[in-house]
Amino acid sequence: MKRHSMNDLPQTDDGVAQWCRDLFVAKDALLDKHIAEGTFGDELRPLGRPIKSLLVVAFWSLLLSYVVFRFFKWSALLSTWKGVAFSTAGLLLVTIVMHVFILFSQSERSSMAKAARRQTHRD
């Protein structure tokens, strides 16, 4: 994906139309190369790992862990077998629901991916 400055774009309607056509031709050539070779090229782009995402995950994990700890301490839910059973059942239910959500969100299982695989096998 490339970004283009507004200053680099043509100023006329015909110029913009030609610029768009040139981009589509280049995109189609890149797609044909990908289909033929199975790669978009040897150029690797380091993505890096943003520290902000790590800090957000760490903050929410610590906050939610603290809240859950305080809740269990306040409610004394884990002091009886009945409370332990309810807590375990709740955790199990959340785990199963999350597993189902993850399975349905996988792109390999989507209808578009299945259609693309069938199309590839026909060719």
C-alpha atoms as a PDB file:
ATOM      1  CA  MET A   1       0.000   0.000   0.000  1.00  0.00           C
ATOM      2  CA  LYS A   2       1.404   3.354  -0.979  1.00  0.00           C
ATOM      3  CA  ARG A   3       0.467   6.812   0.190  1.00  0.00           C
ATOM      4  CA  HIS A   4       0.483   9.693  -2.233  1.00  0.00           C
ATOM      5  CA  SER A   5       0.692  13.331  -1.307  1.00  0.00           C
ATOM      6  CA  MET A   6      -2.115  15.543  -2.584  1.00  0.00           C
ATOM      7  CA  ASN A   7       0.554  17.828  -4.047  1.00  0.00           C
ATOM      8  CA  ASP A   8       1.829  14.968  -6.244  1.00  0.00           C
ATOM      9  CA  LEU A   9      -1.576  14.322  -7.836  1.00  0.00           C
ATOM     10  CA  PRO A  10      -2.455  15.814 -11.211  1.00  0.00           C
ATOM     11  CA  GLN A  11      -4.562  18.973 -11.099  1.00  0.00           C
ATOM     12  CA  THR A  12      -6.876  18.274 -14.049  1.00  0.00           C
ATOM     13  CA  ASP A  13      -9.690  15.737 -14.276  1.00  0.00           C
ATOM     14  CA  ASP A  14      -8.075  14.048 -17.275  1.00  0.00           C
ATOM     15  CA  GLY A  15      -4.748  13.880 -15.455  1.00  0.00           C
ATOM     16  CA  VAL A  16      -6.344  12.279 -12.395  1.00  0.00           C
ATOM     17  CA  ALA A  17      -8.218   9.802 -14.607  1.00  0.00           C
ATOM     18  CA  GLN A  18      -4.982   8.782 -16.358  1.00  0.00           C
ATOM     19  CA  TRP A  19      -3.167   8.567 -13.021  1.00  0.00           C
ATOM     20  CA  CYS A  20      -5.895   6.224 -11.703  1.00  0.00           C
ATOM     21  CA  ARG A  21      -5.686   4.061 -14.838  1.00  0.00           C
ATOM     22  CA  ASP A  22      -1.899   3.813 -14.448  1.00  0.00           C
ATOM     23  CA  LEU A  23      -2.315   2.750 -10.818  1.00  0.00           C
ATOM     24  CA  PHE A  24      -4.849   0.083 -11.776  1.00  0.00           C
ATOM     25  CA  VAL A  25      -2.513  -1.253 -14.486  1.00  0.00           C
ATOM     26  CA  ALA A  26       0.345  -1.422 -11.960  1.00  0.00           C
ATOM     27  CA  LYS A  27      -1.942  -3.120  -9.415  1.00  0.00           C
ATOM     28  CA  ASP A  28      -3.080  -5.693 -11.983  1.00  0.00           C
ATOM     29  CA  ALA A  29       0.540  -6.399 -12.956  1.00  0.00           C
ATOM     30  CA  LEU A  30       1.426  -6.941  -9.295  1.00  0.00           C
ATOM     31  CA  LEU A  31      -1.572  -9.252  -8.864  1.00  0.00           C
ATOM     32  CA  ASP A  32      -0.592 -11.253 -11.974  1.00  0.00           C
ATOM     33  CA  LYS A  33       2.949 -11.572 -10.606  1.00  0.00           C
ATOM     34  CA  HIS A  34       1.537 -12.776  -7.289  1.00  0.00           C
ATOM     35  CA  ILE A  35      -0.633 -15.393  -9.000  1.00  0.00           C
ATOM     36  CA  ALA A  36       2.289 -16.608 -11.142  1.00  0.00           C
ATOM     37  CA  GLU A  37       5.016 -16.619  -8.469  1.00  0.00           C
ATOM     38  CA  GLY A  38       3.019 -16.881  -5.253  1.00  0.00           C
ATOM     39  CA  THR A  39       4.680 -13.802  -3.784  1.00  0.00           C
ATOM     40  CA  PHE A  40       4.393 -10.046  -3.963  1.00  0.00           C
ATOM     41  CA  GLY A  41       8.152  -9.683  -4.327  1.00  0.00           C
ATOM     42  CA  ASP A  42      11.339  -9.888  -2.307  1.00  0.00           C
ATOM     43  CA  GLU A  43      10.877  -6.507  -0.675  1.00  0.00           C
ATOM     44  CA  LEU A  44      10.265  -6.965   3.044  1.00  0.00           C
ATOM     45  CA  ARG A  45       8.813  -4.171   5.102  1.00  0.00           C
ATOM     46  CA  PRO A  46       9.475  -4.234   8.820  1.00  0.00           C
ATOM     47  CA  LEU A  47       6.194  -3.671  10.589  1.00  0.00           C
ATOM     48  CA  GLY A  48       7.579  -3.160  14.054  1.00  0.00           C
ATOM     49  CA  ARG A  49       5.646  -3.674  17.225  1.00  0.00           C
ATOM     50  CA  PRO A  50       3.961  -0.591  18.580  1.00  0.00           C
ATOM     51  CA  ILE A  51       4.589  -0.032  22.272  1.00  0.00           C
ATOM     52  CA  LYS A  52       1.219   1.685  22.646  1.00  0.00           C
ATOM     53  CA  SER A  53      -0.689  -1.571  22.040  1.00  0.00           C
ATOM     54  CA  LEU A  54       1.428  -3.351  24.630  1.00  0.00           C
ATOM     55  CA  LEU A  55       0.777  -0.623  27.184  1.00  0.00           C
ATOM     56  CA  VAL A  56      -2.980  -0.692  26.535  1.00  0.00           C
ATOM     57  CA  VAL A  57      -3.132  -4.486  26.940  1.00  0.00           C
ATOM     58  CA  ALA A  58      -0.999  -4.363  30.089  1.00  0.00           C
ATOM     59  CA  PHE A  59      -3.126  -1.583  31.606  1.00  0.00           C
ATOM     60  CA  TRP A  60      -6.443  -3.335  30.976  1.00  0.00           C
ATOM     61  CA  SER A  61      -5.073  -6.699  32.137  1.00  0.00           C
ATOM     62  CA  LEU A  62      -3.861  -5.211  35.406  1.00  0.00           C
ATOM     63  CA  LEU A  63      -7.052  -3.237  35.958  1.00  0.00           C
ATOM     64  CA  LEU A  64      -9.366  -6.178  35.276  1.00  0.00           C
ATOM     65  CA  SER A  65      -7.218  -8.538  37.358  1.00  0.00           C
ATOM     66  CA  TYR A  66      -7.385  -6.120  40.281  1.00  0.00           C
ATOM     67  CA  VAL A  67     -11.167  -5.721  39.949  1.00  0.00           C
ATOM     68  CA  VAL A  68     -11.710  -9.496  39.773  1.00  0.00           C
ATOM     69  CA  PHE A  69      -9.424 -10.037  42.765  1.00  0.00           C
ATOM     70  CA  ARG A  70     -11.280  -7.409  44.813  1.00  0.00           C
ATOM     71  CA  PHE A  71     -14.646  -8.886  43.775  1.00  0.00           C
ATOM     72  CA  PHE A  72     -13.690 -12.399  44.873  1.00  0.00           C
ATOM     73  CA  LYS A  73     -12.247 -11.073  48.119  1.00  0.00           C
ATOM     74  CA  TRP A  74     -15.378  -8.999  48.812  1.00  0.00           C
ATOM     75  CA  SER A  75     -17.914 -11.673  47.866  1.00  0.00           C
ATOM     76  CA  ALA A  76     -16.118 -14.631  49.466  1.00  0.00           C
ATOM     77  CA  LEU A  77     -17.343 -16.570  46.435  1.00  0.00           C
ATOM     78  CA  LEU A  78     -14.361 -18.911  46.467  1.00  0.00           C
ATOM     79  CA  SER A  79     -14.795 -19.822  50.146  1.00  0.00           C
ATOM     80  CA  THR A  80     -17.480 -22.456  49.437  1.00  0.00           C
ATOM     81  CA  TRP A  81     -17.614 -25.353  47.023  1.00  0.00           C
ATOM     82  CA  LYS A  82     -20.772 -23.935  45.524  1.00  0.00           C
ATOM     83  CA  GLY A  83     -18.991 -20.645  44.793  1.00  0.00           C
ATOM     84  CA  VAL A  84     -16.026 -22.474  43.287  1.00  0.00           C
ATOM     85  CA  ALA A  85     -18.394 -24.504  41.083  1.00  0.00           C
ATOM     86  CA  PHE A  86     -20.230 -21.376  39.874  1.00  0.00           C
ATOM     87  CA  SER A  87     -16.928 -19.597  39.177  1.00  0.00           C
ATOM     88  CA  THR A  88     -15.571 -22.595  37.274  1.00  0.00           C
ATOM     89  CA  ALA A  89     -18.786 -22.968  35.267  1.00  0.00           C
ATOM     90  CA  GLY A  90     -18.739 -19.254  34.379  1.00  0.00           C
ATOM     91  CA  LEU A  91     -15.105 -19.415  33.291  1.00  0.00           C
ATOM     92  CA  LEU A  92     -15.795 -22.538  31.238  1.00  0.00           C
ATOM     93  CA  LEU A  93     -18.789 -20.896  29.559  1.00  0.00           C
ATOM     94  CA  VAL A  94     -16.751 -17.804  28.645  1.00  0.00           C
ATOM     95  CA  THR A  95     -13.941 -20.009  27.288  1.00  0.00           C
ATOM     96  CA  ILE A  96     -16.327 -22.018  25.085  1.00  0.00           C
ATOM     97  CA  VAL A  97     -18.065 -18.906  23.750  1.00  0.00           C
ATOM     98  CA  MET A  98     -14.712 -17.262  22.938  1.00  0.00           C
ATOM     99  CA  HIS A  99     -13.539 -20.438  21.188  1.00  0.00           C
ATOM    100  CA  VAL A 100     -16.683 -20.474  19.039  1.00  0.00           C
ATOM    101  CA  PHE A 101     -16.239 -16.772  18.194  1.00  0.00           C
ATOM    102  CA  ILE A 102     -12.617 -17.364  17.196  1.00  0.00           C
ATOM    103  CA  LEU A 103     -13.571 -20.317  14.985  1.00  0.00           C
ATOM    104  CA  PHE A 104     -16.253 -18.323  13.176  1.00  0.00           C
ATOM    105  CA  SER A 105     -13.965 -15.340  12.669  1.00  0.00           C
ATOM    106  CA  GLN A 106     -11.160 -17.286  10.971  1.00  0.00           C
ATOM    107  CA  SER A 107     -10.772 -16.197   7.377  1.00  0.00           C
ATOM    108  CA  GLU A 108     -10.022 -19.732   6.137  1.00  0.00           C
ATOM    109  CA  ARG A 109     -13.539 -20.750   7.160  1.00  0.00           C
ATOM    110  CA  SER A 110     -15.288 -17.783   5.587  1.00  0.00           C
ATOM    111  CA  SER A 111     -17.462 -18.264   2.517  1.00  0.00           C
ATOM    112  CA  MET A 112     -15.239 -15.934   0.435  1.00  0.00           C
ATOM    113  CA  ALA A 113     -12.132 -18.006   1.222  1.00  0.00           C
ATOM    114  CA  LYS A 114     -13.955 -21.238   0.387  1.00  0.00           C
ATOM    115  CA  ALA A 115     -15.155 -19.802  -2.921  1.00  0.00           C
ATOM    116  CA  ALA A 116     -11.630 -18.652  -3.769  1.00  0.00           C
ATOM    117  CA  ARG A 117     -10.235 -22.121  -3.004  1.00  0.00           C
ATOM    118  CA  ARG A 118     -12.881 -23.778  -5.210  1.00  0.00           C
ATOM    119  CA  GLN A 119     -12.083 -21.329  -8.021  1.00  0.00           C
ATOM    120  CA  THR A 120      -8.354 -22.071  -7.699  1.00  0.00           C
ATOM    121  CA  HIS A 121      -8.940 -25.837  -7.825  1.00  0.00           C
ATOM    122  CA  ARG A 122     -11.044 -25.497 -10.995  1.00  0.00           C
ATOM    123  CA  ASP A 123      -8.260 -23.626 -12.830  1.00  0.00           C
END
